[in-house]
Amino acid sequence: MSYRDAFGGKRVLVSGGAGFIGSNLARALASLGADVTLVDSLIPEYGGNLFNLRGIQPEPRLNVADVRDEHGMKYLVKSHEIFFNLAGQTSHLDSMSDPYTDLEINCRAQLSMLEACRKENPTIRIVFASTRQIYGRAAYLPVDERHPLQPVDVNGINKMAGEWYHILYGRVYGMPISALRLTNTYGPGMRVKDARQTFLGVWIRRVVDGEPIEVWGDGEQLRDFTFVEDAVDAFLRTAMSERSTGEVFNLGGKEQISLGALASLIIEIAGGGEVRRVPFPPERQTIDIGNYYADYGRIADVLGWTPTVTLREGLERTIAFYRRNGSHYWP
């Protein structure tokens, strides 16, 4: 089945739809002929940005609503065939300073959305955006789906619960549900004015503004990164395949790199800049996961997904995007 056959004419709902990954997913779905509805709270502390939706054709419907609104979600899920559930609170530091809001968004709201689907539309296919943060500090590398789940912060615990709610509802109620554990997704449309989504966004903003990139500690921590187009492809493949039902898959990147080397690569691509080594902030060090990179062999075997965009190419495209459009993403 081609992507157009899978999604053309389908009624698709995307929560977090004005955010980074949600808007890129909406763009892809619209180009495939899907009938797309987005829901986003547009709360400033989270990732929604109306500029992310500019130029999407045909233009999707946007419902400005909070996923914590149970009645609104009951109405929204009724008429859709596919639901990409990307709404969530992503800041690890915010989850430690305000754990109750993180609990509301990443647990209670997820449960209420699943209840709405169970009662109003139990055959809707759901793909949930989970995170590698639920693994915590790696006991071995690369990290596969059998790795122990040992989150290091409140966000990781609540995201783990949100994922398990989804898998449980699939198993108990026979709902077609899958989850993707994302890792360091980056690209055009990412939040760059602060580190609420990822530190990489702040680094890109700094290099575009001619400010030094701050590398905390020794900079030897290893990471992998997924370009947003590759992440979108994983969501599409997961939604269109019956083989994904009830499954949890890791995503990952084509290569691993230390944070110090990553900073140097960004400066090289940008054509200049400065790296400044600073001590690890204490509040960050206690929840840092150390080295991490993913084994994505399972989704490769089951769905044929592998990342295609190299880190250099992805960074080149991302930096070029923010040089053109930075004023829409930070003052």
Protein backbone atom coordinates (compact mmCIF):
# COMPACT_ATOMS: atom_id res chain seq x y z
CA MET A 1 0.00 0.00 0.00
CA SER A 2 1.32 3.44 -0.93
CA TYR A 3 1.22 6.34 1.53
CA ARG A 4 -1.39 8.07 -0.64
CA ASP A 5 -3.56 4.95 -0.68
CA ALA A 6 -3.21 4.68 3.09
CA PHE A 7 -4.04 8.29 3.95
CA GLY A 8 -5.84 9.80 0.95
CA GLY A 9 -9.35 10.83 2.04
CA LYS A 10 -8.80 9.58 5.60
CA ARG A 11 -10.06 11.72 8.48
CA VAL A 12 -6.99 12.27 10.65
CA LEU A 13 -6.70 14.00 14.03
CA VAL A 14 -3.34 15.30 15.30
CA SER A 15 -3.05 16.52 18.89
CA GLY A 16 -0.21 18.96 19.45
CA GLY A 17 -0.82 19.77 15.79
CA ALA A 18 0.66 23.29 15.78
CA GLY A 19 3.79 22.05 17.49
CA PHE A 20 7.06 20.93 15.98
CA ILE A 21 6.46 17.31 15.01
CA GLY A 22 2.69 17.70 14.76
CA SER A 23 2.88 20.44 12.16
CA ASN A 24 5.45 18.56 10.08
CA LEU A 25 3.21 15.50 10.25
CA ALA A 26 0.18 17.62 9.25
CA ARG A 27 2.10 18.94 6.23
CA ALA A 28 2.90 15.41 5.09
CA LEU A 29 -0.67 14.18 5.65
CA ALA A 30 -2.18 17.10 3.73
CA SER A 31 0.15 16.43 0.79
CA LEU A 32 -1.09 12.81 0.77
CA GLY A 33 -4.72 13.90 0.52
CA ALA A 34 -5.78 13.31 4.13
CA ASP A 35 -8.58 15.35 5.71
CA VAL A 36 -6.59 16.78 8.63
CA THR A 37 -7.83 18.27 11.90
CA LEU A 38 -5.36 19.68 14.40
CA VAL A 39 -5.90 20.33 18.08
CA ASP A 40 -3.47 22.51 20.00
CA SER A 41 -3.78 24.64 23.13
CA LEU A 42 -1.27 27.24 21.83
CA ILE A 43 -0.19 27.78 25.46
CA PRO A 44 3.06 29.81 25.24
CA GLU A 45 5.05 27.46 27.48
CA TYR A 46 4.52 24.58 25.07
CA GLY A 47 5.46 24.06 21.42
CA GLY A 48 2.50 25.38 19.42
CA ASN A 49 3.35 28.08 16.86
CA LEU A 50 0.95 29.18 14.13
CA PHE A 51 3.85 29.93 11.80
CA ASN A 52 4.49 26.16 11.72
CA LEU A 53 1.24 25.77 9.77
CA ARG A 54 2.01 28.37 7.11
CA GLY A 55 1.78 27.05 3.58
CA ILE A 56 0.15 23.69 4.36
CA GLN A 57 -2.19 22.81 1.50
CA PRO A 58 -4.96 21.98 1.71
CA GLU A 59 -5.18 23.99 4.92
CA PRO A 60 -6.03 21.80 7.92
CA ARG A 61 -8.70 22.70 10.44
CA LEU A 62 -7.27 23.93 13.74
CA ASN A 63 -9.17 23.55 17.00
CA VAL A 64 -7.59 25.69 19.71
CA ALA A 65 -8.34 23.45 22.67
CA ASP A 66 -6.57 21.84 25.59
CA VAL A 67 -6.31 18.05 25.67
CA ARG A 68 -7.23 18.30 29.35
CA ASP A 69 -10.76 19.30 28.23
CA GLU A 70 -12.52 15.94 28.37
CA HIS A 71 -15.74 17.12 26.73
CA GLY A 72 -13.94 18.77 23.84
CA MET A 73 -11.87 15.66 23.16
CA LYS A 74 -14.98 13.47 23.17
CA TYR A 75 -16.38 15.60 20.38
CA LEU A 76 -13.12 15.65 18.40
CA VAL A 77 -12.37 11.92 18.37
CA LYS A 78 -15.84 10.90 17.20
CA SER A 79 -15.46 11.48 13.49
CA HIS A 80 -11.83 10.47 12.83
CA GLU A 81 -10.23 7.28 11.59
CA ILE A 82 -6.64 7.91 12.70
CA PHE A 83 -5.38 9.78 15.76
CA PHE A 84 -1.74 10.86 16.10
CA ASN A 85 -1.44 11.73 19.79
CA LEU A 86 1.52 14.09 20.08
CA ALA A 87 0.25 16.42 22.82
CA GLY A 88 2.39 16.48 25.92
CA GLN A 89 4.60 18.41 28.30
CA THR A 90 8.23 17.80 27.31
CA SER A 91 10.35 19.87 29.69
CA HIS A 92 12.29 17.76 32.15
CA LEU A 93 13.14 20.74 34.36
CA ASP A 94 9.53 22.03 34.38
CA SER A 95 8.37 18.57 35.44
CA MET A 96 10.59 18.80 38.51
CA SER A 97 9.54 22.34 39.46
CA ASP A 98 5.83 21.83 38.64
CA PRO A 99 5.15 18.08 38.81
CA TYR A 100 1.37 18.43 39.10
CA THR A 101 0.98 20.13 35.71
CA ASP A 102 3.17 17.46 34.14
CA LEU A 103 0.96 14.82 35.76
CA GLU A 104 -2.20 16.50 34.42
CA ILE A 105 -0.96 16.68 30.83
CA ASN A 106 1.11 13.51 30.49
CA CYS A 107 -1.08 11.18 32.57
CA ARG A 108 -4.60 12.36 33.32
CA ALA A 109 -5.18 13.98 29.93
CA GLN A 110 -3.85 10.87 28.17
CA LEU A 111 -6.22 8.68 30.14
CA SER A 112 -9.20 10.94 29.40
CA MET A 113 -8.37 10.92 25.66
CA LEU A 114 -8.25 7.13 25.69
CA GLU A 115 -11.57 7.00 27.51
CA ALA A 116 -13.07 9.32 24.91
CA CYS A 117 -11.82 7.04 22.14
CA ARG A 118 -13.01 3.89 23.92
CA LYS A 119 -16.51 5.27 24.41
CA GLU A 120 -16.99 7.31 21.25
CA ASN A 121 -14.78 5.70 18.59
CA PRO A 122 -13.13 2.42 19.68
CA THR A 123 -11.90 1.52 16.17
CA ILE A 124 -9.84 4.70 15.73
CA ARG A 125 -6.17 3.89 15.07
CA ILE A 126 -3.92 5.67 17.58
CA VAL A 127 -0.18 6.32 17.38
CA PHE A 128 1.23 7.75 20.61
CA ALA A 129 4.41 9.85 20.83
CA SER A 130 6.44 8.41 23.69
CA THR A 131 10.07 9.20 24.54
CA ARG A 132 13.45 7.60 25.16
CA GLN A 133 13.43 9.50 28.49
CA ILE A 134 11.54 6.59 30.05
CA TYR A 135 14.71 4.46 29.84
CA GLY A 136 16.67 6.80 32.12
CA ARG A 137 20.40 6.16 32.37
CA ALA A 138 21.45 3.45 29.96
CA ALA A 139 22.52 0.12 31.44
CA TYR A 140 23.87 -0.84 28.00
CA LEU A 141 24.21 0.66 24.53
CA PRO A 142 22.58 0.81 22.11
CA VAL A 143 19.29 0.84 24.04
CA ASP A 144 16.64 -1.53 22.67
CA GLU A 145 13.00 -1.95 23.68
CA ARG A 146 13.90 -4.64 26.25
CA HIS A 147 16.01 -2.20 28.29
CA PRO A 148 14.74 -1.60 31.85
CA LEU A 149 12.54 1.47 32.27
CA GLN A 150 14.07 3.63 35.00
CA PRO A 151 13.19 7.32 34.48
CA VAL A 152 15.34 9.96 36.18
CA ASP A 153 12.71 12.71 36.40
CA VAL A 154 8.98 13.29 36.84
CA ASN A 155 8.50 13.82 33.11
CA GLY A 156 9.93 10.40 32.35
CA ILE A 157 7.69 8.72 34.91
CA ASN A 158 4.56 10.42 33.61
CA LYS A 159 5.42 9.77 29.96
CA MET A 160 5.97 6.12 30.84
CA ALA A 161 2.54 5.98 32.45
CA GLY A 162 1.00 7.70 29.42
CA GLU A 163 2.56 5.12 27.11
CA TRP A 164 1.42 2.22 29.26
CA TYR A 165 -2.14 3.55 29.39
CA HIS A 166 -2.15 3.42 25.59
CA ILE A 167 -0.76 -0.10 25.37
CA LEU A 168 -3.10 -1.33 28.12
CA TYR A 169 -6.18 0.07 26.37
CA GLY A 170 -5.07 -1.62 23.18
CA ARG A 171 -4.67 -4.98 24.88
CA VAL A 172 -7.78 -4.89 27.07
CA TYR A 173 -10.24 -3.21 24.71
CA GLY A 174 -8.87 -4.38 21.38
CA MET A 175 -8.13 -0.84 20.20
CA PRO A 176 -5.50 -0.49 17.42
CA ILE A 177 -2.81 1.42 19.33
CA SER A 178 0.97 1.77 18.87
CA ALA A 179 3.70 3.88 20.48
CA LEU A 180 6.94 5.39 19.21
CA ARG A 181 9.77 6.21 21.61
CA LEU A 182 11.31 9.33 20.11
CA THR A 183 14.87 10.49 20.69
CA ASN A 184 16.19 14.03 20.19
CA THR A 185 14.00 14.93 17.22
CA TYR A 186 15.16 18.12 15.52
CA GLY A 187 14.54 20.20 12.41
CA PRO A 188 12.52 23.16 11.09
CA GLY A 189 9.72 24.17 13.45
CA MET A 190 11.36 22.99 16.67
CA ARG A 191 11.14 25.20 19.75
CA VAL A 192 14.37 27.20 19.94
CA LYS A 193 13.68 30.08 22.32
CA ASP A 194 14.36 27.88 25.36
CA ALA A 195 15.27 24.30 26.25
CA ARG A 196 11.73 23.08 26.93
CA GLN A 197 11.85 20.72 23.94
CA THR A 198 15.56 20.07 23.48
CA PHE A 199 18.91 21.69 24.22
CA LEU A 200 19.73 21.53 20.50
CA GLY A 201 17.13 24.20 19.76
CA VAL A 202 18.87 26.63 22.11
CA TRP A 203 22.23 25.88 20.49
CA ILE A 204 20.83 26.60 17.04
CA ARG A 205 19.26 29.87 18.19
CA ARG A 206 22.55 30.93 19.77
CA VAL A 207 24.65 30.21 16.69
CA VAL A 208 22.15 32.03 14.43
CA ASP A 209 22.25 35.02 16.83
CA GLY A 210 26.06 34.97 16.98
CA GLU A 211 26.12 33.93 20.63
CA PRO A 212 28.39 31.24 22.11
CA ILE A 213 27.12 27.68 22.47
CA GLU A 214 27.36 26.48 26.06
CA VAL A 215 28.51 22.89 26.51
CA TRP A 216 27.96 21.65 30.05
CA GLY A 217 30.57 19.48 31.71
CA ASP A 218 33.17 17.61 29.65
CA GLY A 219 30.95 17.37 26.56
CA GLU A 220 31.70 13.67 26.15
CA GLN A 221 28.08 12.48 26.51
CA LEU A 222 26.98 10.55 23.42
CA ARG A 223 23.62 11.13 21.74
CA ASP A 224 21.80 10.25 18.54
CA PHE A 225 19.36 12.54 16.73
CA THR A 226 16.36 11.99 14.46
CA PHE A 227 15.57 14.54 11.75
CA VAL A 228 11.89 15.45 11.79
CA GLU A 229 11.17 14.12 8.29
CA ASP A 230 12.42 10.70 9.38
CA ALA A 231 10.25 10.88 12.51
CA VAL A 232 7.21 11.79 10.40
CA ASP A 233 7.91 8.81 8.13
CA ALA A 234 7.92 6.55 11.21
CA PHE A 235 4.52 7.88 12.31
CA LEU A 236 3.06 7.30 8.84
CA ARG A 237 4.45 3.77 8.58
CA THR A 238 3.15 2.91 12.04
CA ALA A 239 -0.35 4.18 11.31
CA MET A 240 -0.70 2.38 7.98
CA SER A 241 0.51 -1.06 9.09
CA GLU A 242 -1.57 -3.62 10.96
CA ARG A 243 1.72 -5.18 12.07
CA SER A 244 2.33 -2.20 14.36
CA THR A 245 -0.80 -2.74 16.47
CA GLY A 246 0.10 -3.21 20.13
CA GLU A 247 3.77 -2.54 19.46
CA VAL A 248 6.29 -0.10 20.93
CA PHE A 249 9.19 0.98 18.73
CA ASN A 250 12.39 2.95 19.31
CA LEU A 251 13.39 5.64 16.85
CA GLY A 252 16.99 6.77 16.54
CA GLY A 253 19.58 8.43 14.34
CA LYS A 254 22.04 7.32 11.69
CA GLU A 255 25.06 8.16 13.83
CA GLN A 256 26.18 8.85 17.39
CA ILE A 257 28.11 11.95 18.37
CA SER A 258 29.45 13.53 21.55
CA LEU A 259 27.91 16.82 22.58
CA GLY A 260 31.28 18.57 22.27
CA ALA A 261 31.71 17.30 18.70
CA LEU A 262 28.10 18.27 17.94
CA ALA A 263 28.75 21.85 19.06
CA SER A 264 31.81 22.00 16.83
CA LEU A 265 29.84 20.62 13.88
CA ILE A 266 27.12 23.25 14.32
CA ILE A 267 29.71 26.05 14.34
CA GLU A 268 31.38 24.61 11.25
CA ILE A 269 28.06 24.47 9.38
CA ALA A 270 27.11 27.96 10.55
CA GLY A 271 30.40 29.36 9.30
CA GLY A 272 31.69 30.53 12.66
CA GLY A 273 30.94 30.81 16.33
CA GLU A 274 32.24 29.97 19.76
CA VAL A 275 31.94 27.01 22.10
CA ARG A 276 32.03 27.84 25.79
CA ARG A 277 32.58 25.04 28.33
CA VAL A 278 30.69 25.64 31.58
CA PRO A 279 30.06 23.55 34.70
CA PHE A 280 26.95 21.39 34.69
CA PRO A 281 24.07 23.26 36.41
CA PRO A 282 23.29 21.26 39.57
CA GLU A 283 19.55 21.02 38.82
CA ARG A 284 20.38 19.56 35.39
CA GLN A 285 23.13 17.22 36.46
CA THR A 286 20.89 15.31 38.85
CA ILE A 287 18.53 14.35 36.00
CA ASP A 288 21.08 13.96 33.19
CA ILE A 289 21.03 10.51 31.57
CA GLY A 290 24.68 10.36 30.46
CA ASN A 291 25.33 8.46 27.22
CA TYR A 292 22.36 7.38 25.14
CA TYR A 293 21.75 6.11 21.65
CA ALA A 294 19.02 3.82 20.40
CA ASP A 295 18.77 0.46 18.73
CA TYR A 296 15.99 0.93 16.16
CA GLY A 297 16.35 -2.53 14.67
CA ARG A 298 12.84 -3.57 15.66
CA ILE A 299 11.00 -0.91 13.67
CA ALA A 300 13.41 -1.57 10.80
CA ASP A 301 12.51 -5.26 10.83
CA VAL A 302 8.75 -4.84 11.28
CA LEU A 303 8.00 -1.69 9.27
CA GLY A 304 11.10 -1.15 7.16
CA TRP A 305 11.87 2.21 8.78
CA THR A 306 15.41 3.51 8.95
CA PRO A 307 16.59 7.13 9.24
CA THR A 308 17.70 8.59 5.91
CA VAL A 309 18.85 12.14 6.74
CA THR A 310 22.43 12.50 7.97
CA LEU A 311 23.12 14.72 10.96
CA ARG A 312 25.10 17.18 8.84
CA GLU A 313 22.32 17.51 6.25
CA GLY A 314 19.66 17.88 8.93
CA LEU A 315 21.62 20.57 10.76
CA GLU A 316 22.31 22.43 7.50
CA ARG A 317 18.61 22.51 6.68
CA THR A 318 17.64 23.47 10.22
CA ILE A 319 20.13 26.33 10.54
CA ALA A 320 19.13 27.66 7.10
CA PHE A 321 15.45 27.58 8.13
CA TYR A 322 16.03 29.63 11.29
CA ARG A 323 18.21 32.13 9.49
CA ARG A 324 15.23 32.79 7.21
CA ASN A 325 12.46 32.52 9.81
CA GLY A 326 14.00 33.11 13.25
CA SER A 327 11.83 36.14 14.02
CA HIS A 328 8.77 33.82 14.15
CA TYR A 329 10.35 31.67 16.85
CA TRP A 330 12.11 34.04 19.27
CA PRO A 331 12.00 37.79 19.93
